[in-house]
Amino acid sequence: MGLDDKISNAAEEKTGKAKEALGKATDNEDMEAEGKGDQLKGNLKQAGEKVKDAFK
């Protein structure tokens, strides 16, 4: 997993957490769901990169 990928995936996950928290604070269910989705995408990307690294 390249450093750029790690940073990008972590940033996407952190952004998702922030969106989720903001959505909860403002009772905006769409933003909360979008934040959860962003977190999931970041986690899946990290898992994919780990699998690729395992086969190197």
PDB file of N, CA and C in Angstrom:
ATOM      1  N   MET A   1       0.856  -1.168   0.000  1.00  0.00           N
ATOM      2  CA  MET A   1       0.000   0.000   0.000  1.00  0.00           C
ATOM      3  C   MET A   1       0.897   1.224   0.000  1.00  0.00           C
ATOM      4  N   GLY A   2       0.721   2.064  -0.977  1.00  0.00           N
ATOM      5  CA  GLY A   2       1.521   3.270  -1.064  1.00  0.00           C
ATOM      6  C   GLY A   2       1.099   4.293  -0.031  1.00  0.00           C
ATOM      7  N   LEU A   3       2.031   5.139   0.314  1.00  0.00           N
ATOM      8  CA  LEU A   3       1.755   6.169   1.311  1.00  0.00           C
ATOM      9  C   LEU A   3       0.633   7.092   0.849  1.00  0.00           C
ATOM     10  N   ASP A   4       0.637   7.432  -0.432  1.00  0.00           N
ATOM     11  CA  ASP A   4      -0.429   8.295  -0.964  1.00  0.00           C
ATOM     12  C   ASP A   4      -1.804   7.653  -0.794  1.00  0.00           C
ATOM     13  N   ASP A   5      -1.874   6.340  -1.062  1.00  0.00           N
ATOM     14  CA  ASP A   5      -3.142   5.624  -0.911  1.00  0.00           C
ATOM     15  C   ASP A   5      -3.590   5.614   0.547  1.00  0.00           C
ATOM     16  N   LYS A   6      -2.650   5.376   1.452  1.00  0.00           N
ATOM     17  CA  LYS A   6      -2.987   5.348   2.875  1.00  0.00           C
ATOM     18  C   LYS A   6      -3.548   6.697   3.318  1.00  0.00           C
ATOM     19  N   ILE A   7      -2.898   7.757   2.901  1.00  0.00           N
ATOM     20  CA  ILE A   7      -3.339   9.100   3.283  1.00  0.00           C
ATOM     21  C   ILE A   7      -4.709   9.399   2.695  1.00  0.00           C
ATOM     22  N   SER A   8      -4.894   9.066   1.433  1.00  0.00           N
ATOM     23  CA  SER A   8      -6.162   9.319   0.757  1.00  0.00           C
ATOM     24  C   SER A   8      -7.302   8.540   1.409  1.00  0.00           C
ATOM     25  N   ASN A   9      -7.065   7.278   1.692  1.00  0.00           N
ATOM     26  CA  ASN A   9      -8.100   6.446   2.305  1.00  0.00           C
ATOM     27  C   ASN A   9      -8.425   6.919   3.722  1.00  0.00           C
ATOM     28  N   ALA A  10      -7.403   7.283   4.472  1.00  0.00           N
ATOM     29  CA  ALA A  10      -7.625   7.779   5.836  1.00  0.00           C
ATOM     30  C   ALA A  10      -8.380   9.103   5.804  1.00  0.00           C
ATOM     31  N   ALA A  11      -8.050   9.954   4.845  1.00  0.00           N
ATOM     32  CA  ALA A  11      -8.735  11.239   4.725  1.00  0.00           C
ATOM     33  C   ALA A  11     -10.211  11.033   4.391  1.00  0.00           C
ATOM     34  N   GLU A  12     -10.495  10.088   3.506  1.00  0.00           N
ATOM     35  CA  GLU A  12     -11.880   9.811   3.139  1.00  0.00           C
ATOM     36  C   GLU A  12     -12.651   9.293   4.356  1.00  0.00           C
ATOM     37  N   GLU A  13     -12.003   8.447   5.140  1.00  0.00           N
ATOM     38  CA  GLU A  13     -12.656   7.915   6.341  1.00  0.00           C
ATOM     39  C   GLU A  13     -12.910   9.024   7.365  1.00  0.00           C
ATOM     40  N   LYS A  14     -11.927   9.904   7.562  1.00  0.00           N
ATOM     41  CA  LYS A  14     -12.090  11.009   8.528  1.00  0.00           C
ATOM     42  C   LYS A  14     -13.175  11.980   8.068  1.00  0.00           C
ATOM     43  N   THR A  15     -13.215  12.256   6.772  1.00  0.00           N
ATOM     44  CA  THR A  15     -14.246  13.135   6.222  1.00  0.00           C
ATOM     45  C   THR A  15     -15.627  12.524   6.455  1.00  0.00           C
ATOM     46  N   GLY A  16     -15.707  11.218   6.266  1.00  0.00           N
ATOM     47  CA  GLY A  16     -16.966  10.521   6.504  1.00  0.00           C
ATOM     48  C   GLY A  16     -17.416  10.630   7.950  1.00  0.00           C
ATOM     49  N   LYS A  17     -16.469  10.493   8.871  1.00  0.00           N
ATOM     50  CA  LYS A  17     -16.808  10.605  10.292  1.00  0.00           C
ATOM     51  C   LYS A  17     -17.303  12.014  10.612  1.00  0.00           C
ATOM     52  N   ALA A  18     -16.665  13.004  10.018  1.00  0.00           N
ATOM     53  CA  ALA A  18     -17.082  14.389  10.255  1.00  0.00           C
ATOM     54  C   ALA A  18     -18.479  14.640   9.694  1.00  0.00           C
ATOM     55  N   LYS A  19     -18.747  14.132   8.495  1.00  0.00           N
ATOM     56  CA  LYS A  19     -20.073  14.301   7.893  1.00  0.00           C
ATOM     57  C   LYS A  19     -21.140  13.615   8.745  1.00  0.00           C
ATOM     58  N   GLU A  20     -20.812  12.411   9.223  1.00  0.00           N
ATOM     59  CA  GLU A  20     -21.768  11.683  10.047  1.00  0.00           C
ATOM     60  C   GLU A  20     -22.073  12.462  11.329  1.00  0.00           C
ATOM     61  N   ALA A  21     -21.041  12.973  11.974  1.00  0.00           N
ATOM     62  CA  ALA A  21     -21.231  13.738  13.213  1.00  0.00           C
ATOM     63  C   ALA A  21     -22.041  15.009  12.963  1.00  0.00           C
ATOM     64  N   LEU A  22     -21.734  15.706  11.871  1.00  0.00           N
ATOM     65  CA  LEU A  22     -22.474  16.917  11.535  1.00  0.00           C
ATOM     66  C   LEU A  22     -23.927  16.595  11.219  1.00  0.00           C
ATOM     67  N   GLY A  23     -24.150  15.490  10.517  1.00  0.00           N
ATOM     68  CA  GLY A  23     -25.510  15.073  10.205  1.00  0.00           C
ATOM     69  C   GLY A  23     -26.311  14.760  11.460  1.00  0.00           C
ATOM     70  N   LYS A  24     -25.660  14.090  12.421  1.00  0.00           N
ATOM     71  CA  LYS A  24     -26.342  13.784  13.685  1.00  0.00           C
ATOM     72  C   LYS A  24     -26.651  15.070  14.450  1.00  0.00           C
ATOM     73  N   ALA A  25     -25.700  15.991  14.464  1.00  0.00           N
ATOM     74  CA  ALA A  25     -25.867  17.232  15.221  1.00  0.00           C
ATOM     75  C   ALA A  25     -26.974  18.112  14.650  1.00  0.00           C
ATOM     76  N   THR A  26     -27.160  18.055  13.343  1.00  0.00           N
ATOM     77  CA  THR A  26     -28.153  18.913  12.695  1.00  0.00           C
ATOM     78  C   THR A  26     -29.427  18.159  12.303  1.00  0.00           C
ATOM     79  N   ASP A  27     -29.537  16.905  12.711  1.00  0.00           N
ATOM     80  CA  ASP A  27     -30.678  16.050  12.341  1.00  0.00           C
ATOM     81  C   ASP A  27     -30.843  15.938  10.828  1.00  0.00           C
ATOM     82  N   ASN A  28     -29.722  15.890  10.120  1.00  0.00           N
ATOM     83  CA  ASN A  28     -29.723  15.740   8.676  1.00  0.00           C
ATOM     84  C   ASN A  28     -29.371  14.287   8.363  1.00  0.00           C
ATOM     85  N   GLU A  29     -30.399  13.471   8.150  1.00  0.00           N
ATOM     86  CA  GLU A  29     -30.203  12.041   7.940  1.00  0.00           C
ATOM     87  C   GLU A  29     -29.440  11.748   6.650  1.00  0.00           C
ATOM     88  N   ASP A  30     -29.640  12.574   5.617  1.00  0.00           N
ATOM     89  CA  ASP A  30     -28.931  12.359   4.351  1.00  0.00           C
ATOM     90  C   ASP A  30     -27.428  12.541   4.537  1.00  0.00           C
ATOM     91  N   MET A  31     -27.032  13.588   5.248  1.00  0.00           N
ATOM     92  CA  MET A  31     -25.613  13.832   5.473  1.00  0.00           C
ATOM     93  C   MET A  31     -25.012  12.739   6.355  1.00  0.00           C
ATOM     94  N   GLU A  32     -25.763  12.313   7.331  1.00  0.00           N
ATOM     95  CA  GLU A  32     -25.301  11.241   8.224  1.00  0.00           C
ATOM     96  C   GLU A  32     -25.061   9.954   7.424  1.00  0.00           C
ATOM     97  N   ALA A  33     -25.985   9.619   6.547  1.00  0.00           N
ATOM     98  CA  ALA A  33     -25.848   8.425   5.714  1.00  0.00           C
ATOM     99  C   ALA A  33     -24.684   8.565   4.738  1.00  0.00           C
ATOM    100  N   GLU A  34     -24.519   9.752   4.181  1.00  0.00           N
ATOM    101  CA  GLU A  34     -23.400   9.996   3.267  1.00  0.00           C
ATOM    102  C   GLU A  34     -22.069   9.816   3.999  1.00  0.00           C
ATOM    103  N   GLY A  35     -22.004  10.280   5.223  1.00  0.00           N
ATOM    104  CA  GLY A  35     -20.795  10.123   6.025  1.00  0.00           C
ATOM    105  C   GLY A  35     -20.473   8.666   6.296  1.00  0.00           C
ATOM    106  N   LYS A  36     -21.502   7.892   6.604  1.00  0.00           N
ATOM    107  CA  LYS A  36     -21.300   6.460   6.835  1.00  0.00           C
ATOM    108  C   LYS A  36     -20.817   5.781   5.553  1.00  0.00           C
ATOM    109  N   GLY A  37     -21.365   6.201   4.431  1.00  0.00           N
ATOM    110  CA  GLY A  37     -20.939   5.647   3.141  1.00  0.00           C
ATOM    111  C   GLY A  37     -19.485   5.980   2.829  1.00  0.00           C
ATOM    112  N   ASP A  38     -19.085   7.210   3.108  1.00  0.00           N
ATOM    113  CA  ASP A  38     -17.694   7.607   2.880  1.00  0.00           C
ATOM    114  C   ASP A  38     -16.746   6.794   3.750  1.00  0.00           C
ATOM    115  N   GLN A  39     -17.149   6.550   4.986  1.00  0.00           N
ATOM    116  CA  GLN A  39     -16.318   5.744   5.882  1.00  0.00           C
ATOM    117  C   GLN A  39     -16.178   4.324   5.338  1.00  0.00           C
ATOM    118  N   LEU A  40     -17.276   3.778   4.857  1.00  0.00           N
ATOM    119  CA  LEU A  40     -17.256   2.426   4.319  1.00  0.00           C
ATOM    120  C   LEU A  40     -16.348   2.337   3.100  1.00  0.00           C
ATOM    121  N   LYS A  41     -16.441   3.322   2.204  1.00  0.00           N
ATOM    122  CA  LYS A  41     -15.582   3.323   1.019  1.00  0.00           C
ATOM    123  C   LYS A  41     -14.113   3.375   1.415  1.00  0.00           C
ATOM    124  N   GLY A  42     -13.776   4.222   2.379  1.00  0.00           N
ATOM    125  CA  GLY A  42     -12.394   4.322   2.842  1.00  0.00           C
ATOM    126  C   GLY A  42     -11.901   3.014   3.421  1.00  0.00           C
ATOM    127  N   ASN A  43     -12.737   2.371   4.218  1.00  0.00           N
ATOM    128  CA  ASN A  43     -12.363   1.089   4.811  1.00  0.00           C
ATOM    129  C   ASN A  43     -12.186   0.003   3.762  1.00  0.00           C
ATOM    130  N   LEU A  44     -13.079  -0.034   2.775  1.00  0.00           N
ATOM    131  CA  LEU A  44     -12.977  -1.042   1.725  1.00  0.00           C
ATOM    132  C   LEU A  44     -11.724  -0.847   0.885  1.00  0.00           C
ATOM    133  N   LYS A  45     -11.386   0.399   0.600  1.00  0.00           N
ATOM    134  CA  LYS A  45     -10.176   0.684  -0.166  1.00  0.00           C
ATOM    135  C   LYS A  45      -8.932   0.239   0.601  1.00  0.00           C
ATOM    136  N   GLN A  46      -8.928   0.494   1.903  1.00  0.00           N
ATOM    137  CA  GLN A  46      -7.793   0.077   2.726  1.00  0.00           C
ATOM    138  C   GLN A  46      -7.674  -1.447   2.735  1.00  0.00           C
ATOM    139  N   ALA A  47      -8.792  -2.127   2.843  1.00  0.00           N
ATOM    140  CA  ALA A  47      -8.770  -3.588   2.843  1.00  0.00           C
ATOM    141  C   ALA A  47      -8.256  -4.119   1.506  1.00  0.00           C
ATOM    142  N   GLY A  48      -8.691  -3.517   0.410  1.00  0.00           N
ATOM    143  CA  GLY A  48      -8.216  -3.927  -0.910  1.00  0.00           C
ATOM    144  C   GLY A  48      -6.723  -3.735  -1.070  1.00  0.00           C
ATOM    145  N   GLU A  49      -6.214  -2.626  -0.571  1.00  0.00           N
ATOM    146  CA  GLU A  49      -4.775  -2.375  -0.655  1.00  0.00           C
ATOM    147  C   GLU A  49      -3.998  -3.381   0.189  1.00  0.00           C
ATOM    148  N   LYS A  50      -4.538  -3.763   1.336  1.00  0.00           N
ATOM    149  CA  LYS A  50      -3.871  -4.763   2.177  1.00  0.00           C
ATOM    150  C   LYS A  50      -3.816  -6.115   1.496  1.00  0.00           C
ATOM    151  N   VAL A  51      -4.881  -6.478   0.787  1.00  0.00           N
ATOM    152  CA  VAL A  51      -4.900  -7.746   0.049  1.00  0.00           C
ATOM    153  C   VAL A  51      -3.839  -7.700  -1.049  1.00  0.00           C
ATOM    154  N   LYS A  52      -3.768  -6.587  -1.764  1.00  0.00           N
ATOM    155  CA  LYS A  52      -2.742  -6.471  -2.818  1.00  0.00           C
ATOM    156  C   LYS A  52      -1.346  -6.595  -2.234  1.00  0.00           C
ATOM    157  N   ASP A  53      -1.121  -5.965  -1.081  1.00  0.00           N
ATOM    158  CA  ASP A  53       0.187  -6.033  -0.430  1.00  0.00           C
ATOM    159  C   ASP A  53       0.529  -7.454  -0.004  1.00  0.00           C
ATOM    160  N   ALA A  54      -0.474  -8.218   0.401  1.00  0.00           N
ATOM    161  CA  ALA A  54      -0.242  -9.591   0.845  1.00  0.00           C
ATOM    162  C   ALA A  54       0.258 -10.486  -0.286  1.00  0.00           C
ATOM    163  N   PHE A  55      -0.104 -10.158  -1.523  1.00  0.00           N
ATOM    164  CA  PHE A  55       0.291 -10.973  -2.657  1.00  0.00           C
ATOM    165  C   PHE A  55       1.535 -10.473  -3.379  1.00  0.00           C
ATOM    166  N   LYS A  56       2.216  -9.514  -2.798  1.00  0.00           N
ATOM    167  CA  LYS A  56       3.457  -9.008  -3.417  1.00  0.00           C
ATOM    168  C   LYS A  56       4.598  -9.928  -3.125  1.00  0.00           C
TER     169      LYS A  56
END
